[in-house]
Amino acid sequence: MSLVAKEILHAAEIRQNYGIELIKLSQSQRNLIESGQYSQLIETLQHKQCILDRLHDSTSPNNQRLKEWPRVRQTLSPNDRSLVESKLSEVEQLFSELAQEETHCQELLMAQRDQTAIQLKKLSQNSNVRAAYQAMVSSEPASRIDIVK
């Protein structure tokens, strides 16, 4: 295997490891959302952000190698090209799964946000009814009918 193919494979494997770690964190994120553990959710999101920053560091040698792939693809032997393409396909599939997990987490958060908004609206309406009732009771003296036997 050529040195270029080895370097690109190595860069793809590093990217794949980041993807695996991100999927694990996204699954943890989903569990935290479902259980309402928001302080731990924030910590998980911060950890994910650190990984994403490393993943997208354009100055890293790994990202530079992956950017070279389209240019060097045709220069590799068919066997090397096939190996690299296979690995890159695996990585692409992994990040597709990650995107699906992220979409699911986003949908969960939006549903919880909407449910909270409904609950707040109900509380506000109940508060308004209570305030109106208290205003009515305090402003009008109650009339009584005394029945004498």
Protein backbone atom coordinates (compact mmCIF):
# COMPACT_ATOMS: atom_id res chain seq x y z
CA MET A 1 0.00 0.00 0.00
CA SER A 2 1.29 3.45 -0.89
CA LEU A 3 2.22 5.99 1.76
CA VAL A 4 -0.49 8.40 0.55
CA ALA A 5 -3.16 5.70 0.81
CA LYS A 6 -1.97 4.79 4.32
CA GLU A 7 -2.10 8.44 5.41
CA ILE A 8 -5.58 8.95 4.01
CA LEU A 9 -6.79 5.72 5.61
CA HIS A 10 -5.31 6.83 8.92
CA ALA A 11 -7.03 10.23 8.63
CA ALA A 12 -10.33 8.49 7.83
CA GLU A 13 -9.93 6.18 10.83
CA ILE A 14 -9.36 9.16 13.11
CA ARG A 15 -12.47 10.78 11.69
CA GLN A 16 -14.35 7.51 12.20
CA ASN A 17 -13.24 7.40 15.86
CA TYR A 18 -14.56 10.93 16.36
CA GLY A 19 -17.82 9.86 14.77
CA ILE A 20 -18.14 6.85 17.07
CA GLU A 21 -17.52 9.04 20.09
CA LEU A 22 -20.06 11.60 18.86
CA ILE A 23 -22.71 8.91 18.35
CA LYS A 24 -22.17 7.65 21.90
CA LEU A 25 -22.50 11.20 23.21
CA SER A 26 -25.63 11.79 21.12
CA GLN A 27 -27.22 8.65 22.52
CA SER A 28 -26.34 9.85 26.01
CA GLN A 29 -27.78 13.24 25.06
CA ARG A 30 -31.06 11.60 24.04
CA ASN A 31 -31.26 9.71 27.34
CA LEU A 32 -30.59 12.90 29.29
CA ILE A 33 -33.28 14.77 27.36
CA GLU A 34 -35.79 11.99 27.94
CA SER A 35 -35.03 11.93 31.67
CA GLY A 36 -34.96 15.72 32.04
CA GLN A 37 -31.38 15.87 33.35
CA TYR A 38 -30.53 19.23 31.83
CA SER A 39 -27.41 20.07 33.84
CA GLN A 40 -25.77 16.84 32.67
CA LEU A 41 -27.09 17.53 29.18
CA ILE A 42 -25.16 20.80 29.09
CA GLU A 43 -21.96 18.99 30.08
CA THR A 44 -22.53 16.43 27.34
CA LEU A 45 -23.12 19.16 24.77
CA GLN A 46 -19.91 20.90 25.81
CA HIS A 47 -17.98 17.65 25.39
CA LYS A 48 -19.53 17.16 21.95
CA GLN A 49 -18.54 20.70 20.99
CA CYS A 50 -14.91 20.01 21.90
CA ILE A 51 -14.90 16.92 19.69
CA LEU A 52 -16.55 18.82 16.85
CA ASP A 53 -13.94 21.56 17.13
CA ARG A 54 -11.16 18.97 16.82
CA LEU A 55 -12.97 17.25 13.97
CA HIS A 56 -13.32 20.46 11.98
CA ASP A 57 -9.87 21.88 12.70
CA SER A 58 -8.88 22.77 9.15
CA THR A 59 -5.21 23.01 10.09
CA SER A 60 -4.96 19.42 11.29
CA PRO A 61 -2.82 17.13 9.13
CA ASN A 62 -5.66 14.59 9.03
CA ASN A 63 -8.08 17.05 7.49
CA GLN A 64 -5.42 18.18 5.03
CA ARG A 65 -4.94 14.57 3.92
CA LEU A 66 -8.67 14.05 3.46
CA LYS A 67 -8.86 17.22 1.36
CA GLU A 68 -6.20 15.76 -0.92
CA TRP A 69 -8.28 12.66 -1.64
CA PRO A 70 -10.07 13.93 -4.78
CA ARG A 71 -6.76 15.02 -6.26
CA VAL A 72 -4.78 11.85 -5.47
CA ARG A 73 -7.59 9.36 -6.01
CA GLN A 74 -6.69 8.59 -9.62
CA THR A 75 -3.00 8.24 -8.83
CA LEU A 76 -3.53 5.29 -6.47
CA SER A 77 -3.54 1.68 -7.48
CA PRO A 78 -7.01 0.13 -7.91
CA ASN A 79 -6.53 -1.88 -4.72
CA ASP A 80 -5.48 1.17 -2.65
CA ARG A 81 -8.27 3.25 -4.15
CA SER A 82 -10.81 0.56 -3.28
CA LEU A 83 -9.57 0.31 0.33
CA VAL A 84 -9.71 4.08 0.83
CA GLU A 85 -13.12 4.38 -0.82
CA SER A 86 -14.46 1.60 1.39
CA LYS A 87 -13.20 3.29 4.56
CA LEU A 88 -14.52 6.68 3.48
CA SER A 89 -17.89 5.08 2.76
CA GLU A 90 -17.96 3.61 6.28
CA VAL A 91 -17.16 7.01 7.74
CA GLU A 92 -19.84 8.66 5.65
CA GLN A 93 -22.42 6.08 6.82
CA LEU A 94 -21.39 6.66 10.43
CA PHE A 95 -21.90 10.40 10.13
CA SER A 96 -25.24 9.79 8.45
CA GLU A 97 -26.30 7.79 11.52
CA LEU A 98 -25.03 10.62 13.71
CA ALA A 99 -27.15 13.12 11.79
CA GLN A 100 -30.22 10.94 12.31
CA GLU A 101 -29.53 10.71 16.05
CA GLU A 102 -29.08 14.48 16.24
CA THR A 103 -32.38 15.01 14.40
CA HIS A 104 -34.12 12.72 16.87
CA CYS A 105 -32.63 14.65 19.82
CA GLN A 106 -33.70 17.93 18.28
CA GLU A 107 -37.25 16.63 17.82
CA LEU A 108 -37.34 15.50 21.47
CA LEU A 109 -36.21 18.90 22.68
CA MET A 110 -38.74 20.69 20.50
CA ALA A 111 -41.55 18.45 21.76
CA GLN A 112 -40.53 19.17 25.36
CA ARG A 113 -40.37 22.88 24.60
CA ASP A 114 -43.87 22.79 23.11
CA GLN A 115 -45.21 20.80 26.06
CA THR A 116 -43.68 23.31 28.48
CA ALA A 117 -45.26 26.19 26.54
CA ILE A 118 -48.67 24.50 26.79
CA GLN A 119 -48.25 23.99 30.53
CA LEU A 120 -47.19 27.60 31.02
CA LYS A 121 -50.19 28.80 29.04
CA LYS A 122 -52.53 26.69 31.20
CA LEU A 123 -50.90 28.04 34.36
CA SER A 124 -51.29 31.58 33.08
CA GLN A 125 -54.96 30.98 32.25
CA ASN A 126 -55.58 29.44 35.67
CA SER A 127 -53.87 32.39 37.31
CA ASN A 128 -56.04 34.83 35.33
CA VAL A 129 -59.21 32.98 36.33
CA ARG A 130 -58.16 32.95 39.97
CA ALA A 131 -57.34 36.67 39.88
CA ALA A 132 -60.68 37.48 38.27
CA TYR A 133 -62.54 35.41 40.85
CA GLN A 134 -60.67 37.03 43.73
CA ALA A 135 -61.39 40.49 42.32
CA MET A 136 -65.06 39.66 42.02
CA VAL A 137 -65.28 38.24 45.53
CA SER A 138 -63.46 41.15 47.14
CA SER A 139 -65.36 43.91 45.30
CA GLU A 140 -68.94 42.76 45.87
CA PRO A 141 -70.32 42.05 49.27
CA ALA A 142 -72.00 38.76 49.37
CA SER A 143 -75.74 38.99 49.61
CA ARG A 144 -77.34 36.68 52.07
CA ILE A 145 -80.82 35.55 52.53
CA ASP A 146 -81.70 35.12 56.12
CA ILE A 147 -84.47 32.69 56.62
CA VAL A 148 -86.11 33.01 59.94
CA LYS A 149 -88.23 30.20 61.19
